[in-house]
Every structure is written in C-alpha cells, then in structure tokens.
PDB file of N, CA and C in Angstrom:
ATOM      1  N   MET A   1     151.229-145.145  96.323  1.00  0.00           N
ATOM      2  CA  MET A   1     151.367-144.752  97.704  1.00  0.00           C
ATOM      3  C   MET A   1     152.840-144.706  98.055  1.00  0.00           C
ATOM      4  N   VAL A   2     153.230-143.664  98.736  1.00  0.00           N
ATOM      5  CA  VAL A   2     154.603-143.534  99.205  1.00  0.00           C
ATOM      6  C   VAL A   2     154.644-144.052 100.624  1.00  0.00           C
ATOM      7  N   GLN A   3     155.430-145.112 100.830  1.00  0.00           N
ATOM      8  CA  GLN A   3     155.524-145.680 102.173  1.00  0.00           C
ATOM      9  C   GLN A   3     156.888-145.386 102.763  1.00  0.00           C
ATOM     10  N   ASP A   4     156.904-145.082 104.037  1.00  0.00           N
ATOM     11  CA  ASP A   4     158.130-144.869 104.786  1.00  0.00           C
ATOM     12  C   ASP A   4     158.317-146.100 105.655  1.00  0.00           C
ATOM     13  N   GLU A   5     159.180-147.010 105.204  1.00  0.00           N
ATOM     14  CA  GLU A   5     159.357-148.288 105.898  1.00  0.00           C
ATOM     15  C   GLU A   5     159.851-148.100 107.330  1.00  0.00           C
ATOM     16  N   GLU A   6     160.658-147.075 107.536  1.00  0.00           N
ATOM     17  CA  GLU A   6     161.232-146.861 108.859  1.00  0.00           C
ATOM     18  C   GLU A   6     160.162-146.581 109.912  1.00  0.00           C
ATOM     19  N   THR A   7     159.153-145.834 109.548  1.00  0.00           N
ATOM     20  CA  THR A   7     158.119-145.471 110.513  1.00  0.00           C
ATOM     21  C   THR A   7     156.787-146.166 110.244  1.00  0.00           C
ATOM     22  N   ALA A   8     156.714-147.009 109.206  1.00  0.00           N
ATOM     23  CA  ALA A   8     155.501-147.752 108.857  1.00  0.00           C
ATOM     24  C   ALA A   8     154.308-146.826 108.637  1.00  0.00           C
ATOM     25  N   THR A   9     154.559-145.730 107.918  1.00  0.00           N
ATOM     26  CA  THR A   9     153.486-144.812 107.567  1.00  0.00           C
ATOM     27  C   THR A   9     153.439-144.653 106.054  1.00  0.00           C
ATOM     28  N   THR A  10     152.310-144.167 105.579  1.00  0.00           N
ATOM     29  CA  THR A  10     152.110-143.891 104.166  1.00  0.00           C
ATOM     30  C   THR A  10     151.799-142.415 104.013  1.00  0.00           C
ATOM     31  N   VAL A  11     152.433-141.782 103.044  1.00  0.00           N
ATOM     32  CA  VAL A  11     152.202-140.364 102.756  1.00  0.00           C
ATOM     33  C   VAL A  11     150.993-140.255 101.833  1.00  0.00           C
ATOM     34  N   LEU A  12     150.061-139.387 102.201  1.00  0.00           N
ATOM     35  CA  LEU A  12     148.885-139.100 101.387  1.00  0.00           C
ATOM     36  C   LEU A  12     148.785-137.592 101.197  1.00  0.00           C
ATOM     37  N   TRP A  13     147.998-137.183 100.208  1.00  0.00           N
ATOM     38  CA  TRP A  13     147.762-135.772  99.934  1.00  0.00           C
ATOM     39  C   TRP A  13     146.265-135.528  99.872  1.00  0.00           C
ATOM     40  N   ARG A  14     145.891-134.261 100.078  1.00  0.00           N
ATOM     41  CA  ARG A  14     144.487-133.895  99.938  1.00  0.00           C
ATOM     42  C   ARG A  14     144.395-132.465  99.423  1.00  0.00           C
ATOM     43  N   PRO A  15     143.690-132.268  98.298  1.00  0.00           N
ATOM     44  CA  PRO A  15     143.375-130.910  97.861  1.00  0.00           C
ATOM     45  C   PRO A  15     142.311-130.360  98.806  1.00  0.00           C
ATOM     46  N   THR A  16     142.491-129.122  99.214  1.00  0.00           N
ATOM     47  CA  THR A  16     141.668-128.576 100.291  1.00  0.00           C
ATOM     48  C   THR A  16     141.283-127.128  99.988  1.00  0.00           C
ATOM     49  N   GLY A  17     140.057-126.778 100.297  1.00  0.00           N
ATOM     50  CA  GLY A  17     139.610-125.396 100.178  1.00  0.00           C
ATOM     51  C   GLY A  17     139.834-124.655 101.486  1.00  0.00           C
ATOM     52  N   PRO A  18     139.569-123.354 101.497  1.00  0.00           N
ATOM     53  CA  PRO A  18     139.856-122.545 102.680  1.00  0.00           C
ATOM     54  C   PRO A  18     139.026-122.911 103.912  1.00  0.00           C
ATOM     55  N   GLU A  19     137.765-123.297 103.728  1.00  0.00           N
ATOM     56  CA  GLU A  19     136.931-123.615 104.895  1.00  0.00           C
ATOM     57  C   GLU A  19     137.427-124.884 105.586  1.00  0.00           C
ATOM     58  N   GLU A  20     137.712-125.921 104.795  1.00  0.00           N
ATOM     59  CA  GLU A  20     138.213-127.159 105.381  1.00  0.00           C
ATOM     60  C   GLU A  20     139.575-126.928 106.028  1.00  0.00           C
ATOM     61  N   LEU A  21     140.429-126.149 105.367  1.00  0.00           N
ATOM     62  CA  LEU A  21     141.764-125.902 105.922  1.00  0.00           C
ATOM     63  C   LEU A  21     141.677-125.162 107.252  1.00  0.00           C
ATOM     64  N   GLU A  22     140.736-124.248 107.390  1.00  0.00           N
ATOM     65  CA  GLU A  22     140.568-123.541 108.668  1.00  0.00           C
ATOM     66  C   GLU A  22     140.182-124.519 109.773  1.00  0.00           C
ATOM     67  N   LEU A  23     139.326-125.469 109.478  1.00  0.00           N
ATOM     68  CA  LEU A  23     138.950-126.471 110.484  1.00  0.00           C
ATOM     69  C   LEU A  23     140.131-127.372 110.850  1.00  0.00           C
ATOM     70  N   VAL A  24     140.966-127.694 109.871  1.00  0.00           N
ATOM     71  CA  VAL A  24     142.188-128.467 110.149  1.00  0.00           C
ATOM     72  C   VAL A  24     143.100-127.646 111.063  1.00  0.00           C
ATOM     73  N   ARG A  25     143.249-126.353 110.760  1.00  0.00           N
ATOM     74  CA  ARG A  25     144.075-125.472 111.600  1.00  0.00           C
ATOM     75  C   ARG A  25     143.549-125.450 113.029  1.00  0.00           C
ATOM     76  N   GLN A  26     142.224-125.352 113.185  1.00  0.00           N
ATOM     77  CA  GLN A  26     141.621-125.319 114.520  1.00  0.00           C
ATOM     78  C   GLN A  26     141.866-126.613 115.291  1.00  0.00           C
ATOM     79  N   SER A  27     142.115-127.713 114.581  1.00  0.00           N
ATOM     80  CA  SER A  27     142.409-128.996 115.247  1.00  0.00           C
ATOM     81  C   SER A  27     143.870-129.084 115.682  1.00  0.00           C
ATOM     82  N   GLY A  28     144.638-128.027 115.420  1.00  0.00           N
ATOM     83  CA  GLY A  28     146.061-128.083 115.706  1.00  0.00           C
ATOM     84  C   GLY A  28     146.826-128.848 114.638  1.00  0.00           C
ATOM     85  N   TRP A  29     146.246-128.922 113.433  1.00  0.00           N
ATOM     86  CA  TRP A  29     146.835-129.632 112.298  1.00  0.00           C
ATOM     87  C   TRP A  29     146.901-131.135 112.552  1.00  0.00           C
ATOM     88  N   ARG A  30     145.945-131.650 113.359  1.00  0.00           N
ATOM     89  CA  ARG A  30     145.973-133.056 113.760  1.00  0.00           C
ATOM     90  C   ARG A  30     144.767-133.870 113.314  1.00  0.00           C
ATOM     91  N   ALA A  31     143.765-133.243 112.635  1.00  0.00           N
ATOM     92  CA  ALA A  31     142.558-134.004 112.286  1.00  0.00           C
ATOM     93  C   ALA A  31     141.831-133.353 111.117  1.00  0.00           C
ATOM     94  N   TRP A  32     141.185-134.219 110.347  1.00  0.00           N
ATOM     95  CA  TRP A  32     140.288-133.769 109.292  1.00  0.00           C
ATOM     96  C   TRP A  32     138.906-133.578 109.895  1.00  0.00           C
ATOM     97  N   PRO A  33     138.197-132.516 109.476  1.00  0.00           N
ATOM     98  CA  PRO A  33     136.872-132.257 110.062  1.00  0.00           C
ATOM     99  C   PRO A  33     135.829-133.249 109.582  1.00  0.00           C
ATOM    100  N   PRO A  34     134.740-133.379 110.336  1.00  0.00           N
ATOM    101  CA  PRO A  34     133.644-134.264 109.914  1.00  0.00           C
ATOM    102  C   PRO A  34     133.132-133.852 108.533  1.00  0.00           C
ATOM    103  N   ARG A  35     132.655-134.819 107.799  1.00  0.00           N
ATOM    104  CA  ARG A  35     132.083-134.554 106.471  1.00  0.00           C
ATOM    105  C   ARG A  35     130.722-133.898 106.630  1.00  0.00           C
ATOM    106  N   LEU A  36     130.343-133.126 105.641  1.00  0.00           N
ATOM    107  CA  LEU A  36     129.005-132.548 105.587  1.00  0.00           C
ATOM    108  C   LEU A  36     128.034-133.641 105.144  1.00  0.00           C
ATOM    109  N   PRO A  37     126.723-133.466 105.384  1.00  0.00           N
ATOM    110  CA  PRO A  37     125.762-134.510 104.997  1.00  0.00           C
ATOM    111  C   PRO A  37     125.862-134.932 103.525  1.00  0.00           C
ATOM    112  N   GLU A  38     126.200-134.000 102.644  1.00  0.00           N
ATOM    113  CA  GLU A  38     126.309-134.341 101.219  1.00  0.00           C
ATOM    114  C   GLU A  38     127.691-134.908 100.850  1.00  0.00           C
ATOM    115  N   GLN A  39     128.539-135.156 101.858  1.00  0.00           N
ATOM    116  CA  GLN A  39     129.884-135.707 101.638  1.00  0.00           C
ATOM    117  C   GLN A  39     130.034-137.042 102.382  1.00  0.00           C
ATOM    118  N   PRO A  40     129.541-138.131 101.817  1.00  0.00           N
ATOM    119  CA  PRO A  40     129.610-139.408 102.527  1.00  0.00           C
ATOM    120  C   PRO A  40     130.993-140.052 102.545  1.00  0.00           C
ATOM    121  N   ILE A  41     131.909-139.508 101.742  1.00  0.00           N
ATOM    122  CA  ILE A  41     133.242-140.091 101.615  1.00  0.00           C
ATOM    123  C   ILE A  41     134.307-139.013 101.842  1.00  0.00           C
ATOM    124  N   PHE A  42     135.346-139.358 102.583  1.00  0.00           N
ATOM    125  CA  PHE A  42     136.565-138.553 102.681  1.00  0.00           C
ATOM    126  C   PHE A  42     137.571-139.234 101.769  1.00  0.00           C
ATOM    127  N   TYR A  43     138.121-138.482 100.823  1.00  0.00           N
ATOM    128  CA  TYR A  43     139.031-139.140  99.891  1.00  0.00           C
ATOM    129  C   TYR A  43     140.398-138.456  99.831  1.00  0.00           C
ATOM    130  N   PRO A  44     141.372-139.016 100.543  1.00  0.00           N
ATOM    131  CA  PRO A  44     142.745-138.575 100.332  1.00  0.00           C
ATOM    132  C   PRO A  44     143.249-139.183  99.024  1.00  0.00           C
ATOM    133  N   VAL A  45     144.222-138.541  98.398  1.00  0.00           N
ATOM    134  CA  VAL A  45     144.742-139.039  97.133  1.00  0.00           C
ATOM    135  C   VAL A  45     146.166-139.563  97.315  1.00  0.00           C
ATOM    136  N   LEU A  46     146.582-140.399  96.366  1.00  0.00           N
ATOM    137  CA  LEU A  46     147.839-141.129  96.520  1.00  0.00           C
ATOM    138  C   LEU A  46     149.041-140.466  95.873  1.00  0.00           C
ATOM    139  N   ASN A  47     148.821-139.374  95.155  1.00  0.00           N
ATOM    140  CA  ASN A  47     150.004-138.699  94.614  1.00  0.00           C
ATOM    141  C   ASN A  47     149.801-137.191  94.577  1.00  0.00           C
ATOM    142  N   GLU A  48     150.885-136.519  94.720  1.00  0.00           N
ATOM    143  CA  GLU A  48     150.887-135.062  94.810  1.00  0.00           C
ATOM    144  C   GLU A  48     150.388-134.397  93.536  1.00  0.00           C
ATOM    145  N   GLU A  49     150.744-134.938  92.373  1.00  0.00           N
ATOM    146  CA  GLU A  49     150.345-134.325  91.104  1.00  0.00           C
ATOM    147  C   GLU A  49     148.828-134.286  90.958  1.00  0.00           C
ATOM    148  N   TYR A  50     148.159-135.357  91.337  1.00  0.00           N
ATOM    149  CA  TYR A  50     146.697-135.402  91.273  1.00  0.00           C
ATOM    150  C   TYR A  50     146.097-134.376  92.238  1.00  0.00           C
ATOM    151  N   ALA A  51     146.660-134.259  93.428  1.00  0.00           N
ATOM    152  CA  ALA A  51     146.162-133.273  94.396  1.00  0.00           C
ATOM    153  C   ALA A  51     146.337-131.853  93.858  1.00  0.00           C
ATOM    154  N   ILE A  52     147.452-131.582  93.219  1.00  0.00           N
ATOM    155  CA  ILE A  52     147.699-130.264  92.624  1.00  0.00           C
ATOM    156  C   ILE A  52     146.661-129.972  91.544  1.00  0.00           C
ATOM    157  N   LYS A  53     146.397-130.952  90.697  1.00  0.00           N
ATOM    158  CA  LYS A  53     145.414-130.781  89.617  1.00  0.00           C
ATOM    159  C   LYS A  53     144.045-130.403  90.182  1.00  0.00           C
ATOM    160  N   ILE A  54     143.589-131.100  91.218  1.00  0.00           N
ATOM    161  CA  ILE A  54     142.284-130.801  91.806  1.00  0.00           C
ATOM    162  C   ILE A  54     142.290-129.422  92.461  1.00  0.00           C
ATOM    163  N   ALA A  55     143.352-129.099  93.195  1.00  0.00           N
ATOM    164  CA  ALA A  55     143.426-127.795  93.865  1.00  0.00           C
ATOM    165  C   ALA A  55     143.355-126.660  92.849  1.00  0.00           C
ATOM    166  N   ARG A  56     144.076-126.793  91.755  1.00  0.00           N
ATOM    167  CA  ARG A  56     144.095-125.745  90.722  1.00  0.00           C
ATOM    168  C   ARG A  56     142.792-125.681  89.938  1.00  0.00           C
ATOM    169  N   GLU A  57     142.289-126.851  89.536  1.00  0.00           N
ATOM    170  CA  GLU A  57     141.163-126.880  88.609  1.00  0.00           C
ATOM    171  C   GLU A  57     139.795-126.873  89.277  1.00  0.00           C
ATOM    172  N   TRP A  58     139.719-127.211  90.551  1.00  0.00           N
ATOM    173  CA  TRP A  58     138.422-127.208  91.219  1.00  0.00           C
ATOM    174  C   TRP A  58     138.386-126.190  92.363  1.00  0.00           C
ATOM    175  N   ASN A  59     139.328-126.265  93.293  1.00  0.00           N
ATOM    176  CA  ASN A  59     139.286-125.378  94.456  1.00  0.00           C
ATOM    177  C   ASN A  59     139.454-123.906  94.080  1.00  0.00           C
ATOM    178  N   VAL A  60     140.403-123.595  93.205  1.00  0.00           N
ATOM    179  CA  VAL A  60     140.622-122.187  92.847  1.00  0.00           C
ATOM    180  C   VAL A  60     139.382-121.580  92.185  1.00  0.00           C
ATOM    181  N   PRO A  61     138.791-122.205  91.157  1.00  0.00           N
ATOM    182  CA  PRO A  61     137.591-121.614  90.564  1.00  0.00           C
ATOM    183  C   PRO A  61     136.407-121.498  91.532  1.00  0.00           C
ATOM    184  N   HIS A  62     136.277-122.438  92.462  1.00  0.00           N
ATOM    185  CA  HIS A  62     135.135-122.433  93.374  1.00  0.00           C
ATOM    186  C   HIS A  62     135.355-121.593  94.626  1.00  0.00           C
ATOM    187  N   HIS A  63     136.607-121.451  95.070  1.00  0.00           N
ATOM    188  CA  HIS A  63     136.880-120.770  96.336  1.00  0.00           C
ATOM    189  C   HIS A  63     137.873-119.625  96.211  1.00  0.00           C
ATOM    190  N   GLY A  64     138.484-119.443  95.046  1.00  0.00           N
ATOM    191  CA  GLY A  64     139.487-118.402  94.869  1.00  0.00           C
ATOM    192  C   GLY A  64     140.875-118.813  95.333  1.00  0.00           C
ATOM    193  N   VAL A  65     140.951-119.926  96.039  1.00  0.00           N
ATOM    194  CA  VAL A  65     142.230-120.438  96.531  1.00  0.00           C
ATOM    195  C   VAL A  65     142.112-121.951  96.690  1.00  0.00           C
ATOM    196  N   GLY A  66     143.208-122.630  96.449  1.00  0.00           N
ATOM    197  CA  GLY A  66     143.255-124.077  96.652  1.00  0.00           C
ATOM    198  C   GLY A  66     144.561-124.443  97.323  1.00  0.00           C
ATOM    199  N   TYR A  67     144.503-125.375  98.217  1.00  0.00           N
ATOM    200  CA  TYR A  67     145.683-125.826  98.949  1.00  0.00           C
ATOM    201  C   TYR A  67     145.890-127.313  98.696  1.00  0.00           C
ATOM    202  N   VAL A  68     147.135-127.729  98.776  1.00  0.00           N
ATOM    203  CA  VAL A  68     147.467-129.146  98.774  1.00  0.00           C
ATOM    204  C   VAL A  68     148.101-129.435 100.118  1.00  0.00           C
ATOM    205  N   THR A  69     147.538-130.419 100.795  1.00  0.00           N
ATOM    206  CA  THR A  69     148.081-130.825 102.088  1.00  0.00           C
ATOM    207  C   THR A  69     148.737-132.192 101.948  1.00  0.00           C
ATOM    208  N   ARG A  70     149.683-132.435 102.843  1.00  0.00           N
ATOM    209  CA  ARG A  70     150.379-133.721 102.898  1.00  0.00           C
ATOM    210  C   ARG A  70     150.315-134.203 104.344  1.00  0.00           C
ATOM    211  N   PHE A  71     150.100-135.510 104.495  1.00  0.00           N
ATOM    212  CA  PHE A  71     150.032-136.073 105.845  1.00  0.00           C
ATOM    213  C   PHE A  71     150.383-137.551 105.788  1.00  0.00           C
ATOM    214  N   ARG A  72     150.663-138.111 106.933  1.00  0.00           N
ATOM    215  CA  ARG A  72     151.041-139.520 107.030  1.00  0.00           C
ATOM    216  C   ARG A  72     150.001-140.267 107.854  1.00  0.00           C
ATOM    217  N   VAL A  73     149.765-141.516 107.446  1.00  0.00           N
ATOM    218  CA  VAL A  73     148.831-142.379 108.154  1.00  0.00           C
ATOM    219  C   VAL A  73     149.522-143.726 108.360  1.00  0.00           C
ATOM    220  N   GLU A  74     149.227-144.374 109.467  1.00  0.00           N
ATOM    221  CA  GLU A  74     149.795-145.693 109.738  1.00  0.00           C
ATOM    222  C   GLU A  74     149.440-146.645 108.596  1.00  0.00           C
ATOM    223  N   SER A  75     150.454-147.244 108.003  1.00  0.00           N
ATOM    224  CA  SER A  75     150.256-148.104 106.833  1.00  0.00           C
ATOM    225  C   SER A  75     149.356-149.299 107.125  1.00  0.00           C
ATOM    226  N   ASP A  76     149.534-149.936 108.277  1.00  0.00           N
ATOM    227  CA  ASP A  76     148.696-151.103 108.607  1.00  0.00           C
ATOM    228  C   ASP A  76     147.218-150.733 108.620  1.00  0.00           C
ATOM    229  N   PHE A  77     146.894-149.578 109.166  1.00  0.00           N
ATOM    230  CA  PHE A  77     145.501-149.132 109.224  1.00  0.00           C
ATOM    231  C   PHE A  77     144.938-148.915 107.817  1.00  0.00           C
ATOM    232  N   LEU A  78     145.727-148.349 106.913  1.00  0.00           N
ATOM    233  CA  LEU A  78     145.244-148.027 105.562  1.00  0.00           C
ATOM    234  C   LEU A  78     144.903-149.245 104.725  1.00  0.00           C
ATOM    235  N   ARG A  79     145.380-150.396 105.100  1.00  0.00           N
ATOM    236  CA  ARG A  79     145.122-151.605 104.302  1.00  0.00           C
ATOM    237  C   ARG A  79     143.635-151.924 104.192  1.00  0.00           C
ATOM    238  N   ARG A  80     142.819-151.396 105.090  1.00  0.00           N
ATOM    239  CA  ARG A  80     141.376-151.665 105.025  1.00  0.00           C
ATOM    240  C   ARG A  80     140.684-150.921 103.880  1.00  0.00           C
ATOM    241  N   TYR A  81     141.374-149.923 103.297  1.00  0.00           N
ATOM    242  CA  TYR A  81     140.776-149.116 102.229  1.00  0.00           C
ATOM    243  C   TYR A  81     141.433-149.457 100.892  1.00  0.00           C
ATOM    244  N   PRO A  82     140.698-150.086  99.978  1.00  0.00           N
ATOM    245  CA  PRO A  82     141.303-150.394  98.678  1.00  0.00           C
ATOM    246  C   PRO A  82     141.557-149.110  97.887  1.00  0.00           C
ATOM    247  N   VAL A  83     142.600-149.150  97.086  1.00  0.00           N
ATOM    248  CA  VAL A  83     142.907-148.022  96.210  1.00  0.00           C
ATOM    249  C   VAL A  83     141.853-147.976  95.114  1.00  0.00           C
ATOM    250  N   ARG A  84     141.304-146.788  94.883  1.00  0.00           N
ATOM    251  CA  ARG A  84     140.285-146.586  93.840  1.00  0.00           C
ATOM    252  C   ARG A  84     140.895-145.779  92.704  1.00  0.00           C
ATOM    253  N   GLN A  85     140.705-146.246  91.494  1.00  0.00           N
ATOM    254  CA  GLN A  85     141.167-145.497  90.329  1.00  0.00           C
ATOM    255  C   GLN A  85     139.999-144.657  89.847  1.00  0.00           C
ATOM    256  N   ALA A  86     140.128-143.339  89.963  1.00  0.00           N
ATOM    257  CA  ALA A  86     139.029-142.432  89.656  1.00  0.00           C
ATOM    258  C   ALA A  86     139.140-141.842  88.246  1.00  0.00           C
ATOM    259  N   GLY A  87     139.968-142.405  87.448  1.00  0.00           N
ATOM    260  CA  GLY A  87     140.181-141.903  86.088  1.00  0.00           C
ATOM    261  C   GLY A  87     141.412-142.576  85.510  1.00  0.00           C
ATOM    262  N   GLY A  88     142.379-141.776  85.075  1.00  0.00           N
ATOM    263  CA  GLY A  88     143.613-142.316  84.496  1.00  0.00           C
ATOM    264  C   GLY A  88     144.457-143.075  85.509  1.00  0.00           C
ATOM    265  N   LYS A  89     145.575-143.606  85.030  1.00  0.00           N
ATOM    266  CA  LYS A  89     146.436-144.449  85.855  1.00  0.00           C
ATOM    267  C   LYS A  89     146.933-143.764  87.125  1.00  0.00           C
ATOM    268  N   THR A  90     147.111-142.458  87.086  1.00  0.00           N
ATOM    269  CA  THR A  90     147.644-141.738  88.254  1.00  0.00           C
ATOM    270  C   THR A  90     146.553-141.078  89.094  1.00  0.00           C
ATOM    271  N   ILE A  91     145.300-141.276  88.731  1.00  0.00           N
ATOM    272  CA  ILE A  91     144.195-140.659  89.468  1.00  0.00           C
ATOM    273  C   ILE A  91     143.690-141.684  90.484  1.00  0.00           C
ATOM    274  N   LEU A  92     144.404-141.749  91.599  1.00  0.00           N
ATOM    275  CA  LEU A  92     144.170-142.769  92.608  1.00  0.00           C
ATOM    276  C   LEU A  92     143.774-142.145  93.933  1.00  0.00           C
ATOM    277  N   GLU A  93     142.787-142.753  94.572  1.00  0.00           N
ATOM    278  CA  GLU A  93     142.244-142.245  95.835  1.00  0.00           C
ATOM    279  C   GLU A  93     141.985-143.398  96.799  1.00  0.00           C
ATOM    280  N   LEU A  94     141.840-143.043  98.056  1.00  0.00           N
ATOM    281  CA  LEU A  94     141.273-143.950  99.052  1.00  0.00           C
ATOM    282  C   LEU A  94     139.908-143.376  99.401  1.00  0.00           C
ATOM    283  N   TRP A  95     138.922-144.222  99.584  1.00  0.00           N
ATOM    284  CA  TRP A  95     137.586-143.766  99.965  1.00  0.00           C
ATOM    285  C   TRP A  95     137.334-144.185 101.401  1.00  0.00           C
ATOM    286  N   VAL A  96     137.307-143.197 102.280  1.00  0.00           N
ATOM    287  CA  VAL A  96     137.081-143.432 103.703  1.00  0.00           C
ATOM    288  C   VAL A  96     135.640-143.016 104.010  1.00  0.00           C
ATOM    289  N   PRO A  97     134.777-143.940 104.412  1.00  0.00           N
ATOM    290  CA  PRO A  97     133.403-143.558 104.757  1.00  0.00           C
ATOM    291  C   PRO A  97     133.399-142.493 105.856  1.00  0.00           C
ATOM    292  N   ALA A  98     132.508-141.537 105.739  1.00  0.00           N
ATOM    293  CA  ALA A  98     132.449-140.417 106.690  1.00  0.00           C
ATOM    294  C   ALA A  98     132.373-140.892 108.135  1.00  0.00           C
ATOM    295  N   GLU A  99     131.647-141.986 108.368  1.00  0.00           N
ATOM    296  CA  GLU A  99     131.491-142.460 109.747  1.00  0.00           C
ATOM    297  C   GLU A  99     132.773-143.068 110.314  1.00  0.00           C
ATOM    298  N   GLU A 100     133.797-143.266 109.470  1.00  0.00           N
ATOM    299  CA  GLU A 100     135.081-143.810 109.930  1.00  0.00           C
ATOM    300  C   GLU A 100     136.160-142.742 110.058  1.00  0.00           C
ATOM    301  N   LEU A 101     135.812-141.479 109.830  1.00  0.00           N
ATOM    302  CA  LEU A 101     136.817-140.425 109.807  1.00  0.00           C
ATOM    303  C   LEU A 101     137.485-140.210 111.163  1.00  0.00           C
ATOM    304  N   ASP A 102     136.738-140.313 112.264  1.00  0.00           N
ATOM    305  CA  ASP A 102     137.367-140.167 113.582  1.00  0.00           C
ATOM    306  C   ASP A 102     138.445-141.227 113.787  1.00  0.00           C
ATOM    307  N   GLU A 103     138.144-142.459 113.386  1.00  0.00           N
ATOM    308  CA  GLU A 103     139.132-143.533 113.521  1.00  0.00           C
ATOM    309  C   GLU A 103     140.322-143.286 112.592  1.00  0.00           C
ATOM    310  N   PHE A 104     140.046-142.831 111.377  1.00  0.00           N
ATOM    311  CA  PHE A 104     141.116-142.472 110.440  1.00  0.00           C
ATOM    312  C   PHE A 104     142.029-141.420 111.069  1.00  0.00           C
ATOM    313  N   ASN A 105     141.431-140.372 111.635  1.00  0.00           N
ATOM    314  CA  ASN A 105     142.210-139.307 112.278  1.00  0.00           C
ATOM    315  C   ASN A 105     143.075-139.843 113.413  1.00  0.00           C
ATOM    316  N   ALA A 106     142.578-140.840 114.127  1.00  0.00           N
ATOM    317  CA  ALA A 106     143.336-141.416 115.245  1.00  0.00           C
ATOM    318  C   ALA A 106     144.599-142.128 114.758  1.00  0.00           C
ATOM    319  N   HIS A 107     144.677-142.432 113.476  1.00  0.00           N
ATOM    320  CA  HIS A 107     145.834-143.134 112.923  1.00  0.00           C
ATOM    321  C   HIS A 107     146.754-142.218 112.114  1.00  0.00           C
ATOM    322  N   LEU A 108     146.496-140.904 112.182  1.00  0.00           N
ATOM    323  CA  LEU A 108     147.429-139.967 111.553  1.00  0.00           C
ATOM    324  C   LEU A 108     148.736-140.004 112.329  1.00  0.00           C
ATOM    325  N   ALA A 109     149.839-139.881 111.616  1.00  0.00           N
ATOM    326  CA  ALA A 109     151.164-139.886 112.243  1.00  0.00           C
ATOM    327  C   ALA A 109     151.799-138.526 111.988  1.00  0.00           C
ATOM    328  N   GLY A 110     151.681-137.631 112.947  1.00  0.00           N
ATOM    329  CA  GLY A 110     152.231-136.290 112.765  1.00  0.00           C
ATOM    330  C   GLY A 110     151.202-135.327 112.230  1.00  0.00           C
ATOM    331  N   PRO A 111     151.626-134.091 112.013  1.00  0.00           N
ATOM    332  CA  PRO A 111     150.682-133.044 111.601  1.00  0.00           C
ATOM    333  C   PRO A 111     150.334-133.095 110.121  1.00  0.00           C
ATOM    334  N   ILE A 112     149.227-132.456 109.801  1.00  0.00           N
ATOM    335  CA  ILE A 112     148.818-132.204 108.420  1.00  0.00           C
ATOM    336  C   ILE A 112     149.566-130.946 107.990  1.00  0.00           C
ATOM    337  N   GLU A 113     150.212-130.987 106.836  1.00  0.00           N
ATOM    338  CA  GLU A 113     151.023-129.858 106.368  1.00  0.00           C
ATOM    339  C   GLU A 113     150.469-129.299 105.073  1.00  0.00           C
ATOM    340  N   VAL A 114     150.511-127.979 104.921  1.00  0.00           N
ATOM    341  CA  VAL A 114     150.194-127.345 103.646  1.00  0.00           C
ATOM    342  C   VAL A 114     151.493-127.310 102.834  1.00  0.00           C
ATOM    343  N   VAL A 115     151.458-127.899 101.641  1.00  0.00           N
ATOM    344  CA  VAL A 115     152.665-127.941 100.812  1.00  0.00           C
ATOM    345  C   VAL A 115     152.549-127.098  99.538  1.00  0.00           C
ATOM    346  N   HIS A 116     151.326-126.693  99.150  1.00  0.00           N
ATOM    347  CA  HIS A 116     151.119-125.831  97.985  1.00  0.00           C
ATOM    348  C   HIS A 116     149.903-124.950  98.222  1.00  0.00           C
ATOM    349  N   GLU A 117     149.956-123.768  97.658  1.00  0.00           N
ATOM    350  CA  GLU A 117     148.815-122.842  97.674  1.00  0.00           C
ATOM    351  C   GLU A 117     148.690-122.242  96.277  1.00  0.00           C
ATOM    352  N   PHE A 118     147.469-122.249  95.751  1.00  0.00           N
ATOM    353  CA  PHE A 118     147.205-121.714  94.414  1.00  0.00           C
ATOM    354  C   PHE A 118     146.083-120.685  94.502  1.00  0.00           C
ATOM    355  N   ARG A 119     146.219-119.610  93.734  1.00  0.00           N
ATOM    356  CA  ARG A 119     145.206-118.549  93.702  1.00  0.00           C
ATOM    357  C   ARG A 119     144.877-118.196  92.268  1.00  0.00           C
TER     358      ARG A 119
END
C-alpha cells in the first residue's frame, strides 16, 4: 500500500471495465457503483502492476477495453480491511463487502482517476 503521510490517505488501484467506469463517471468521479448480486465483494488492489495485469488479461478480452483507475482512501478507515494475498507476493487486494461500499465511498479522498487504458 502506498501511503501519503501528509494527507493520511492510501493510494489504491482498480482494474475497471467500460460499464463500471461509466457509472463512476456519472458519480462525478466520486464513488464506486453498487455491486451486482453476483458480486458480493468490491476489491481494490494494492499495486498498479497487478491492476494493469487484470485490465489487460481480463477486461480487454471480455469487454474490448480495460482501464486502470487510481484513487485515495483515508488510511485510518482502511485498517478495518485486512490485506488479502490472491496469488503471488504482489497480488494483493482489499475485500470490501458489497454492503459496506457506500461507507467506503464516503472515505474516498479526492476523485477516482483513469491512469491507463488498454484495447
């Protein structure tokens, strides 16, 4: 996790498809949309390289385009979510239960930004 001590926030990334990104845009780049019934977990990732890998290898084949977003969350709030290792040493995620996403969004610090696009 990249922490910014000055502002007490943590930088996270999320690989995103076009439908989810459109909903983020509609929020004014300030919130992640509610999960679908088959998505009980919202999982931001802890490093940019892992987000790039998912965007390229999953989003592009399934949607024709994949995006990597970057955003900041209040570090104190994130302490409630243990880091999950979903594979190798750098494959790290936070698992936010879908029912907690509104509260998670309330602790975003600044806008959600698109930092990569793959086609």
